[in-house]
N, C-alpha and C. Protein backbone atom coordinates (compact mmCIF):
# COMPACT_ATOMS: atom_id res chain seq x y z
N MET A 1 55.75 54.30 48.36
CA MET A 1 57.08 54.83 48.53
C MET A 1 57.11 56.31 48.21
N GLY A 2 56.30 56.75 47.29
CA GLY A 2 56.26 58.16 46.90
C GLY A 2 55.71 59.04 48.00
N ARG A 3 54.76 58.50 48.78
CA ARG A 3 54.19 59.29 49.87
C ARG A 3 55.24 59.59 50.95
N PHE A 4 56.09 58.63 51.24
CA PHE A 4 57.13 58.84 52.24
C PHE A 4 58.08 59.96 51.80
N HIS A 5 58.40 60.00 50.53
CA HIS A 5 59.29 61.03 50.00
C HIS A 5 58.67 62.42 50.16
N TYR A 6 57.39 62.54 49.87
CA TYR A 6 56.72 63.84 50.02
C TYR A 6 56.60 64.23 51.50
N LEU A 7 56.33 63.25 52.35
CA LEU A 7 56.24 63.52 53.79
C LEU A 7 57.59 63.95 54.34
N PHE A 8 58.65 63.31 53.91
CA PHE A 8 60.00 63.65 54.35
C PHE A 8 60.36 65.07 53.91
N ASN A 9 60.04 65.43 52.68
CA ASN A 9 60.30 66.78 52.18
C ASN A 9 59.49 67.82 52.95
N LEU A 10 58.26 67.48 53.29
CA LEU A 10 57.42 68.40 54.07
C LEU A 10 58.00 68.61 55.46
N CYS A 11 58.44 67.54 56.11
CA CYS A 11 59.05 67.67 57.45
C CYS A 11 60.32 68.50 57.40
N LEU A 12 61.14 68.31 56.39
CA LEU A 12 62.36 69.11 56.27
C LEU A 12 62.04 70.58 56.03
N SER A 13 61.07 70.86 55.20
CA SER A 13 60.73 72.26 54.94
C SER A 13 60.15 72.92 56.19
N VAL A 14 59.41 72.19 57.01
CA VAL A 14 58.87 72.76 58.26
C VAL A 14 60.00 73.02 59.24
N LEU A 15 60.92 72.08 59.38
CA LEU A 15 62.01 72.25 60.34
C LEU A 15 63.01 73.33 59.92
N LYS A 16 63.11 73.61 58.63
CA LYS A 16 64.03 74.63 58.14
C LYS A 16 63.42 76.02 58.16
N ASP A 17 62.14 76.13 58.46
CA ASP A 17 61.48 77.43 58.47
C ASP A 17 62.04 78.28 59.61
N TRP A 18 62.26 79.56 59.39
CA TRP A 18 62.89 80.43 60.38
C TRP A 18 62.00 80.63 61.61
N ARG A 19 60.69 80.59 61.43
CA ARG A 19 59.79 80.77 62.58
C ARG A 19 59.89 79.60 63.54
N VAL A 20 60.01 78.39 62.99
CA VAL A 20 60.14 77.21 63.85
C VAL A 20 61.47 77.26 64.60
N ILE A 21 62.52 77.69 63.95
CA ILE A 21 63.84 77.77 64.58
C ILE A 21 63.83 78.82 65.69
N VAL A 22 63.22 80.00 65.44
CA VAL A 22 63.17 81.06 66.45
C VAL A 22 62.36 80.62 67.67
N VAL A 23 61.21 79.99 67.42
CA VAL A 23 60.38 79.54 68.55
C VAL A 23 61.10 78.46 69.34
N THR A 24 61.82 77.57 68.68
CA THR A 24 62.56 76.51 69.37
C THR A 24 63.66 77.09 70.25
N VAL A 25 64.41 78.04 69.72
CA VAL A 25 65.47 78.68 70.51
C VAL A 25 64.88 79.43 71.69
N PHE A 26 63.77 80.15 71.47
CA PHE A 26 63.11 80.87 72.55
C PHE A 26 62.64 79.91 73.65
N LEU A 27 62.05 78.80 73.25
CA LEU A 27 61.58 77.83 74.25
C LEU A 27 62.73 77.22 75.05
N ILE A 28 63.86 76.98 74.40
CA ILE A 28 65.01 76.43 75.12
C ILE A 28 65.49 77.42 76.18
N PHE A 29 65.60 78.71 75.80
CA PHE A 29 66.02 79.72 76.78
C PHE A 29 64.99 79.90 77.88
N TYR A 30 63.71 79.85 77.53
CA TYR A 30 62.65 80.02 78.52
C TYR A 30 62.67 78.87 79.53
N ILE A 31 62.81 77.65 79.06
CA ILE A 31 62.85 76.50 79.96
C ILE A 31 64.09 76.54 80.85
N ALA A 32 65.21 76.98 80.29
CA ALA A 32 66.43 77.11 81.10
C ALA A 32 66.26 78.17 82.18
N LEU A 33 65.61 79.29 81.84
CA LEU A 33 65.36 80.35 82.82
C LEU A 33 64.42 79.88 83.93
N VAL A 34 63.36 79.20 83.55
CA VAL A 34 62.41 78.68 84.56
C VAL A 34 63.10 77.67 85.45
N ASN A 35 63.91 76.82 84.89
CA ASN A 35 64.65 75.84 85.67
C ASN A 35 65.61 76.52 86.65
N TYR A 36 66.27 77.59 86.21
CA TYR A 36 67.17 78.34 87.09
C TYR A 36 66.41 78.99 88.24
N VAL A 37 65.27 79.59 87.95
CA VAL A 37 64.48 80.27 88.99
C VAL A 37 63.95 79.26 90.00
N VAL A 38 63.51 78.11 89.52
CA VAL A 38 62.96 77.10 90.43
C VAL A 38 64.04 76.54 91.34
N ASN A 39 65.23 76.34 90.81
CA ASN A 39 66.31 75.72 91.60
C ASN A 39 67.22 76.72 92.28
N TYR A 40 66.95 78.01 92.17
CA TYR A 40 67.83 79.04 92.76
C TYR A 40 67.71 79.02 94.27
N GLN A 41 68.85 79.01 94.92
CA GLN A 41 68.89 79.11 96.38
C GLN A 41 69.87 80.20 96.75
N LYS A 42 69.40 81.12 97.56
CA LYS A 42 70.25 82.24 97.95
C LYS A 42 71.35 81.74 98.87
N LYS A 43 72.55 82.24 98.65
CA LYS A 43 73.66 81.86 99.51
C LYS A 43 73.46 82.50 100.87
N LYS A 44 73.65 81.70 101.89
CA LYS A 44 73.51 82.21 103.25
C LYS A 44 74.79 82.91 103.65
N HIS A 45 74.64 84.11 104.18
CA HIS A 45 75.80 84.86 104.65
C HIS A 45 76.18 84.37 106.04
N VAL A 46 77.43 84.05 106.21
CA VAL A 46 77.93 83.62 107.51
C VAL A 46 78.61 84.81 108.15
N TYR A 47 78.00 85.29 109.20
CA TYR A 47 78.55 86.43 109.91
C TYR A 47 79.47 85.94 111.01
N LYS A 48 80.68 86.44 111.01
CA LYS A 48 81.62 86.07 112.04
C LYS A 48 81.32 86.88 113.30
N ALA A 49 81.46 86.24 114.43
CA ALA A 49 81.24 86.92 115.69
C ALA A 49 82.44 87.83 115.94
N LYS A 50 82.31 89.07 115.54
CA LYS A 50 83.41 90.01 115.65
C LYS A 50 83.18 90.90 116.86
N LYS A 51 84.09 90.86 117.80
CA LYS A 51 83.96 91.68 119.00
C LYS A 51 84.68 92.99 118.79
N SER A 52 84.11 94.03 119.31
CA SER A 52 84.80 95.32 119.21
C SER A 52 85.92 95.37 120.25
N ALA A 53 86.79 96.35 120.14
CA ALA A 53 87.95 96.45 121.04
C ALA A 53 87.50 96.71 122.47
N ALA A 54 86.47 97.50 122.66
CA ALA A 54 86.00 97.81 124.00
C ALA A 54 85.42 96.57 124.68
N VAL A 55 84.70 95.78 123.94
CA VAL A 55 84.11 94.57 124.52
C VAL A 55 85.22 93.58 124.86
N GLU A 56 86.25 93.48 124.02
CA GLU A 56 87.34 92.56 124.30
C GLU A 56 88.11 92.98 125.55
N LYS A 57 88.36 94.29 125.72
CA LYS A 57 89.06 94.76 126.92
C LYS A 57 88.25 94.47 128.16
N LYS A 58 86.96 94.74 128.06
CA LYS A 58 86.09 94.54 129.21
C LYS A 58 86.02 93.06 129.57
N ALA A 59 85.96 92.21 128.57
CA ALA A 59 85.84 90.79 128.82
C ALA A 59 87.15 90.20 129.37
N SER A 60 88.27 90.66 128.86
CA SER A 60 89.54 90.06 129.29
C SER A 60 90.06 90.66 130.59
N GLY A 61 89.96 91.96 130.78
CA GLY A 61 90.55 92.57 131.97
C GLY A 61 89.54 93.28 132.83
N GLY A 62 88.31 93.09 132.62
CA GLY A 62 87.28 93.79 133.38
C GLY A 62 87.25 93.42 134.85
N GLU A 63 87.46 92.15 135.17
CA GLU A 63 87.39 91.73 136.56
C GLU A 63 88.66 92.09 137.32
N GLY A 64 89.78 92.08 136.66
CA GLY A 64 91.04 92.40 137.33
C GLY A 64 91.15 93.88 137.66
N ASN A 65 90.56 94.75 136.89
CA ASN A 65 90.63 96.18 137.11
C ASN A 65 89.41 96.71 137.86
N ALA A 66 88.51 95.85 138.27
CA ALA A 66 87.29 96.29 138.92
C ALA A 66 87.59 96.92 140.28
N GLY A 67 88.61 96.49 140.98
CA GLY A 67 88.92 97.02 142.29
C GLY A 67 89.77 98.27 142.24
N ALA A 68 90.19 98.73 141.08
CA ALA A 68 91.06 99.90 140.98
C ALA A 68 90.29 101.17 141.33
N GLY A 69 89.06 101.29 141.00
CA GLY A 69 88.28 102.45 141.34
C GLY A 69 88.64 103.69 140.56
N ASN A 70 89.32 103.59 139.45
CA ASN A 70 89.77 104.73 138.69
C ASN A 70 88.99 104.80 137.37
N ALA A 71 87.69 104.61 137.40
CA ALA A 71 86.90 104.60 136.20
C ALA A 71 86.69 105.99 135.66
N GLY A 72 86.64 107.00 136.53
CA GLY A 72 86.41 108.37 136.09
C GLY A 72 87.65 109.06 135.58
N GLY A 73 88.79 108.56 135.86
CA GLY A 73 90.03 109.13 135.39
C GLY A 73 90.63 110.11 136.39
N THR A 74 90.08 110.25 137.58
CA THR A 74 90.63 111.12 138.59
C THR A 74 91.26 110.30 139.69
N THR A 75 92.18 110.88 140.39
CA THR A 75 92.80 110.18 141.51
C THR A 75 92.18 110.67 142.80
N GLU A 76 92.10 109.79 143.77
CA GLU A 76 91.46 110.14 145.03
C GLU A 76 92.36 111.01 145.89
N GLY A 77 93.64 110.87 145.77
CA GLY A 77 94.55 111.56 146.65
C GLY A 77 94.86 113.00 146.23
N SER A 78 94.45 113.49 145.09
CA SER A 78 94.87 114.83 144.69
C SER A 78 93.93 115.89 145.06
């Protein structure tokens, strides 16, 4: 029975030592960091198909104005 008491006191003194506490805290942070790096996934950027104003004009009214012939900005009759 006396040996158990001495062993218990030895275990408590080891666990209360500041070096054991510092190493334990460091290992917990290190394992958490490694776990984060292993499981990290970059968020995928979703780019919206944004049309510029010129492309929208051309797409919507390009065929209807194709016969006008006024692309240069001059009139034929002047």
